[in-house]
Amino acid sequence: MDRIDGDLWRYNLVRVTFVDVTEDYATYLDPLPSAFYPVVREVWLPRYGLLQTVADRHCLSGYMYDWHEAPEDESAPEPHWYVGVVSEKFLQTPIE
């Protein structure tokens, strides 16, 4: 049987970093660059259907999807996506 050499997983998976942007809502400040937010979770997800996966609220419990930032070069060997999420507790807190 033939075999396939190389790292084919690199073409099927992308690195996704979930960052907590709750502070932006609490302080009404302008957004920061993605890398400046606290990291909640970092995972590798299948490239196929990625936008639906990151918008799914079950992808990260306790947080709700806010925005995503695609890599500038998706054909890079390891594309890196950022997903901004907001704490559900903060969103359920009444404003005084």
N, C-alpha and C. Protein backbone atom coordinates (compact mmCIF):
# COMPACT_ATOMS: atom_id res chain seq x y z
N MET A 1 0.84 -1.18 0.00
CA MET A 1 0.00 0.00 0.00
C MET A 1 0.88 1.24 0.00
N ASP A 2 0.48 2.22 -0.78
CA ASP A 2 1.22 3.48 -0.80
C ASP A 2 0.99 4.24 0.48
N ARG A 3 1.86 5.16 0.74
CA ARG A 3 1.67 6.02 1.91
C ARG A 3 1.85 7.47 1.48
N ILE A 4 1.25 8.33 2.25
CA ILE A 4 1.33 9.76 1.97
C ILE A 4 2.29 10.38 2.97
N ASP A 5 3.30 11.03 2.44
CA ASP A 5 4.25 11.70 3.32
C ASP A 5 3.83 13.14 3.54
N GLY A 6 4.27 13.70 4.64
CA GLY A 6 3.99 15.11 4.93
C GLY A 6 2.95 15.27 6.03
N ASP A 7 2.76 16.50 6.39
CA ASP A 7 1.82 16.84 7.46
C ASP A 7 0.51 17.31 6.86
N LEU A 8 -0.34 16.39 6.43
CA LEU A 8 -1.61 16.77 5.81
C LEU A 8 -2.56 17.44 6.79
N TRP A 9 -2.40 17.19 8.09
CA TRP A 9 -3.27 17.83 9.07
C TRP A 9 -3.19 19.34 8.98
N ARG A 10 -2.05 19.86 8.52
CA ARG A 10 -1.89 21.32 8.41
C ARG A 10 -2.89 21.93 7.43
N TYR A 11 -3.35 21.15 6.46
CA TYR A 11 -4.30 21.65 5.48
C TYR A 11 -5.75 21.49 5.93
N ASN A 12 -5.99 20.71 6.96
CA ASN A 12 -7.34 20.42 7.41
C ASN A 12 -7.70 21.08 8.74
N LEU A 13 -6.71 21.55 9.49
CA LEU A 13 -6.96 22.13 10.80
C LEU A 13 -6.42 23.55 10.88
N VAL A 14 -7.04 24.36 11.71
CA VAL A 14 -6.56 25.72 11.97
C VAL A 14 -6.53 25.94 13.48
N ARG A 15 -5.60 26.78 13.90
CA ARG A 15 -5.49 27.12 15.32
C ARG A 15 -6.45 28.27 15.59
N VAL A 16 -7.26 28.11 16.63
CA VAL A 16 -8.24 29.12 17.01
C VAL A 16 -8.00 29.50 18.46
N THR A 17 -7.82 30.80 18.70
CA THR A 17 -7.62 31.31 20.05
C THR A 17 -8.85 32.12 20.43
N PHE A 18 -9.52 31.69 21.50
CA PHE A 18 -10.67 32.42 22.03
C PHE A 18 -10.15 33.42 23.05
N VAL A 19 -10.48 34.70 22.86
CA VAL A 19 -10.03 35.75 23.77
C VAL A 19 -11.25 36.43 24.40
N ASP A 20 -11.10 36.81 25.67
CA ASP A 20 -12.18 37.43 26.44
C ASP A 20 -12.20 38.94 26.20
N VAL A 21 -13.24 39.42 25.54
CA VAL A 21 -13.36 40.85 25.24
C VAL A 21 -14.41 41.53 26.12
N THR A 22 -14.77 40.90 27.22
CA THR A 22 -15.79 41.43 28.12
C THR A 22 -15.44 42.83 28.61
N GLU A 23 -14.17 43.08 28.86
CA GLU A 23 -13.75 44.38 29.38
C GLU A 23 -14.10 45.52 28.42
N ASP A 24 -14.09 45.26 27.13
CA ASP A 24 -14.48 46.29 26.16
C ASP A 24 -15.91 46.77 26.41
N TYR A 25 -16.78 45.83 26.77
CA TYR A 25 -18.18 46.18 27.04
C TYR A 25 -18.32 46.88 28.39
N ALA A 26 -17.52 46.48 29.35
CA ALA A 26 -17.62 47.06 30.68
C ALA A 26 -17.07 48.48 30.72
N THR A 27 -16.06 48.78 29.93
CA THR A 27 -15.40 50.09 29.98
C THR A 27 -15.73 50.99 28.80
N TYR A 28 -16.44 50.46 27.80
CA TYR A 28 -16.79 51.22 26.60
C TYR A 28 -15.56 51.77 25.88
N LEU A 29 -14.48 51.00 25.89
CA LEU A 29 -13.26 51.42 25.21
C LEU A 29 -13.23 50.87 23.79
N ASP A 30 -12.38 51.45 22.97
CA ASP A 30 -12.18 50.94 21.61
C ASP A 30 -11.50 49.58 21.69
N PRO A 31 -11.73 48.73 20.69
CA PRO A 31 -11.11 47.41 20.69
C PRO A 31 -9.58 47.48 20.61
N LEU A 32 -8.95 46.50 21.23
CA LEU A 32 -7.49 46.35 21.19
C LEU A 32 -7.14 45.35 20.09
N PRO A 33 -5.86 45.26 19.74
CA PRO A 33 -5.45 44.17 18.84
C PRO A 33 -5.75 42.81 19.49
N SER A 34 -6.08 41.84 18.69
CA SER A 34 -6.51 40.53 19.19
C SER A 34 -5.54 39.90 20.18
N ALA A 35 -4.27 40.05 19.95
CA ALA A 35 -3.26 39.41 20.80
C ALA A 35 -3.17 40.04 22.19
N PHE A 36 -3.83 41.16 22.44
CA PHE A 36 -3.74 41.86 23.73
C PHE A 36 -4.78 41.40 24.74
N TYR A 37 -5.75 40.62 24.32
CA TYR A 37 -6.82 40.17 25.22
C TYR A 37 -6.41 38.91 25.98
N PRO A 38 -7.02 38.67 27.15
CA PRO A 38 -6.74 37.42 27.88
C PRO A 38 -7.25 36.22 27.08
N VAL A 39 -6.42 35.19 27.02
CA VAL A 39 -6.78 33.97 26.29
C VAL A 39 -7.65 33.09 27.19
N VAL A 40 -8.80 32.70 26.66
CA VAL A 40 -9.71 31.82 27.39
C VAL A 40 -9.42 30.37 27.03
N ARG A 41 -9.19 30.14 25.75
CA ARG A 41 -8.96 28.76 25.28
C ARG A 41 -8.29 28.82 23.92
N GLU A 42 -7.44 27.85 23.66
CA GLU A 42 -6.82 27.72 22.35
C GLU A 42 -7.00 26.28 21.89
N VAL A 43 -7.54 26.12 20.69
CA VAL A 43 -7.83 24.78 20.16
C VAL A 43 -7.48 24.71 18.68
N TRP A 44 -7.39 23.49 18.19
CA TRP A 44 -7.27 23.23 16.75
C TRP A 44 -8.63 22.72 16.31
N LEU A 45 -9.19 23.35 15.27
CA LEU A 45 -10.51 22.96 14.76
C LEU A 45 -10.42 22.65 13.28
N PRO A 46 -11.34 21.82 12.78
CA PRO A 46 -11.36 21.54 11.35
C PRO A 46 -11.62 22.81 10.56
N ARG A 47 -10.93 22.96 9.46
CA ARG A 47 -11.09 24.14 8.61
C ARG A 47 -12.48 24.18 7.98
N TYR A 48 -13.01 23.02 7.65
CA TYR A 48 -14.32 22.96 7.01
C TYR A 48 -15.41 23.39 8.00
N GLY A 49 -16.24 24.35 7.62
CA GLY A 49 -17.33 24.81 8.47
C GLY A 49 -16.87 25.58 9.69
N LEU A 50 -15.69 26.18 9.61
CA LEU A 50 -15.10 26.83 10.78
C LEU A 50 -15.96 27.99 11.30
N LEU A 51 -16.48 28.83 10.41
CA LEU A 51 -17.28 29.97 10.87
C LEU A 51 -18.50 29.52 11.65
N GLN A 52 -19.15 28.47 11.22
CA GLN A 52 -20.31 27.96 11.95
C GLN A 52 -19.89 27.38 13.29
N THR A 53 -18.74 26.73 13.32
CA THR A 53 -18.25 26.13 14.56
C THR A 53 -17.92 27.18 15.60
N VAL A 54 -17.23 28.26 15.23
CA VAL A 54 -16.84 29.26 16.23
C VAL A 54 -18.03 30.11 16.67
N ALA A 55 -19.05 30.23 15.84
CA ALA A 55 -20.24 30.99 16.23
C ALA A 55 -21.19 30.16 17.09
N ASP A 56 -20.97 28.86 17.12
CA ASP A 56 -21.81 27.96 17.92
C ASP A 56 -21.55 28.21 19.39
N ARG A 57 -22.58 28.48 20.15
CA ARG A 57 -22.38 28.82 21.57
C ARG A 57 -21.90 27.62 22.38
N HIS A 58 -22.00 26.42 21.86
CA HIS A 58 -21.53 25.24 22.60
C HIS A 58 -20.02 25.04 22.45
N CYS A 59 -19.40 25.82 21.60
CA CYS A 59 -17.96 25.69 21.37
C CYS A 59 -17.17 26.10 22.62
N LEU A 60 -17.72 27.03 23.39
CA LEU A 60 -17.05 27.51 24.59
C LEU A 60 -18.12 27.88 25.60
N SER A 61 -18.32 27.05 26.61
CA SER A 61 -19.39 27.29 27.57
C SER A 61 -19.05 28.47 28.48
N GLY A 62 -20.08 29.24 28.85
CA GLY A 62 -19.91 30.39 29.72
C GLY A 62 -19.61 31.68 28.99
N TYR A 63 -19.44 31.59 27.68
CA TYR A 63 -19.14 32.76 26.87
C TYR A 63 -20.02 32.77 25.64
N MET A 64 -20.23 33.96 25.09
CA MET A 64 -21.00 34.09 23.86
C MET A 64 -20.11 34.71 22.78
N TYR A 65 -20.31 34.25 21.57
CA TYR A 65 -19.55 34.72 20.41
C TYR A 65 -19.78 36.21 20.20
N ASP A 66 -18.71 36.95 19.91
CA ASP A 66 -18.82 38.37 19.60
C ASP A 66 -18.29 38.67 18.20
N TRP A 67 -17.07 38.28 17.90
CA TRP A 67 -16.47 38.54 16.60
C TRP A 67 -15.37 37.51 16.33
N HIS A 68 -14.93 37.45 15.09
CA HIS A 68 -13.77 36.62 14.75
C HIS A 68 -12.87 37.40 13.81
N GLU A 69 -11.62 37.02 13.82
CA GLU A 69 -10.62 37.65 12.95
C GLU A 69 -9.87 36.55 12.21
N ALA A 70 -10.04 36.53 10.91
CA ALA A 70 -9.37 35.53 10.09
C ALA A 70 -7.91 35.93 9.89
N PRO A 71 -7.06 34.95 9.65
CA PRO A 71 -5.65 35.28 9.37
C PRO A 71 -5.53 36.02 8.05
N GLU A 72 -4.52 36.85 7.95
CA GLU A 72 -4.30 37.60 6.70
C GLU A 72 -4.02 36.65 5.54
N ASP A 73 -3.26 35.59 5.80
CA ASP A 73 -2.91 34.63 4.77
C ASP A 73 -3.42 33.25 5.18
N GLU A 74 -4.61 32.88 4.69
CA GLU A 74 -5.18 31.58 5.07
C GLU A 74 -4.43 30.41 4.46
N SER A 75 -3.58 30.67 3.48
CA SER A 75 -2.82 29.58 2.88
C SER A 75 -1.51 29.33 3.63
N ALA A 76 -1.29 30.08 4.72
CA ALA A 76 -0.09 29.87 5.54
C ALA A 76 -0.10 28.45 6.10
N PRO A 77 1.07 27.92 6.41
CA PRO A 77 1.14 26.55 6.92
C PRO A 77 0.30 26.34 8.19
N GLU A 78 0.22 27.32 9.06
CA GLU A 78 -0.57 27.19 10.28
C GLU A 78 -1.40 28.46 10.48
N PRO A 79 -2.53 28.60 9.77
CA PRO A 79 -3.34 29.80 9.93
C PRO A 79 -3.87 29.92 11.36
N HIS A 80 -3.90 31.14 11.88
CA HIS A 80 -4.28 31.38 13.27
C HIS A 80 -5.47 32.34 13.29
N TRP A 81 -6.59 31.87 13.80
CA TRP A 81 -7.80 32.67 13.92
C TRP A 81 -7.94 33.13 15.36
N TYR A 82 -8.51 34.33 15.54
CA TYR A 82 -8.88 34.82 16.86
C TYR A 82 -10.40 34.95 16.90
N VAL A 83 -10.99 34.57 18.04
CA VAL A 83 -12.43 34.69 18.24
C VAL A 83 -12.64 35.45 19.54
N GLY A 84 -13.33 36.58 19.46
CA GLY A 84 -13.65 37.36 20.65
C GLY A 84 -14.94 36.85 21.27
N VAL A 85 -14.92 36.62 22.57
CA VAL A 85 -16.09 36.13 23.28
C VAL A 85 -16.36 37.03 24.49
N VAL A 86 -17.63 37.08 24.89
CA VAL A 86 -18.06 37.90 26.03
C VAL A 86 -18.66 36.98 27.08
N SER A 87 -18.35 37.23 28.34
CA SER A 87 -18.86 36.42 29.43
C SER A 87 -20.38 36.49 29.51
N GLU A 88 -21.04 35.34 29.59
CA GLU A 88 -22.50 35.31 29.72
C GLU A 88 -22.94 35.96 31.03
N LYS A 89 -22.14 35.81 32.09
CA LYS A 89 -22.48 36.43 33.38
C LYS A 89 -22.55 37.94 33.25
N PHE A 90 -21.61 38.52 32.52
CA PHE A 90 -21.60 39.97 32.34
C PHE A 90 -22.84 40.41 31.56
N LEU A 91 -23.21 39.66 30.53
CA LEU A 91 -24.35 40.02 29.70
C LEU A 91 -25.67 39.89 30.45
N GLN A 92 -25.71 39.04 31.48
CA GLN A 92 -26.93 38.84 32.25
C GLN A 92 -27.03 39.78 33.45
N THR A 93 -25.96 40.52 33.74
CA THR A 93 -25.95 41.46 34.85
C THR A 93 -26.74 42.71 34.47
N PRO A 94 -27.73 43.11 35.30
CA PRO A 94 -28.48 44.33 34.96
C PRO A 94 -27.59 45.57 35.06
N ILE A 95 -27.83 46.51 34.16
CA ILE A 95 -27.08 47.76 34.16
C ILE A 95 -27.71 48.70 35.18
N GLU A 96 -26.89 49.28 36.01
CA GLU A 96 -27.39 50.18 37.05
C GLU A 96 -27.25 51.62 36.66
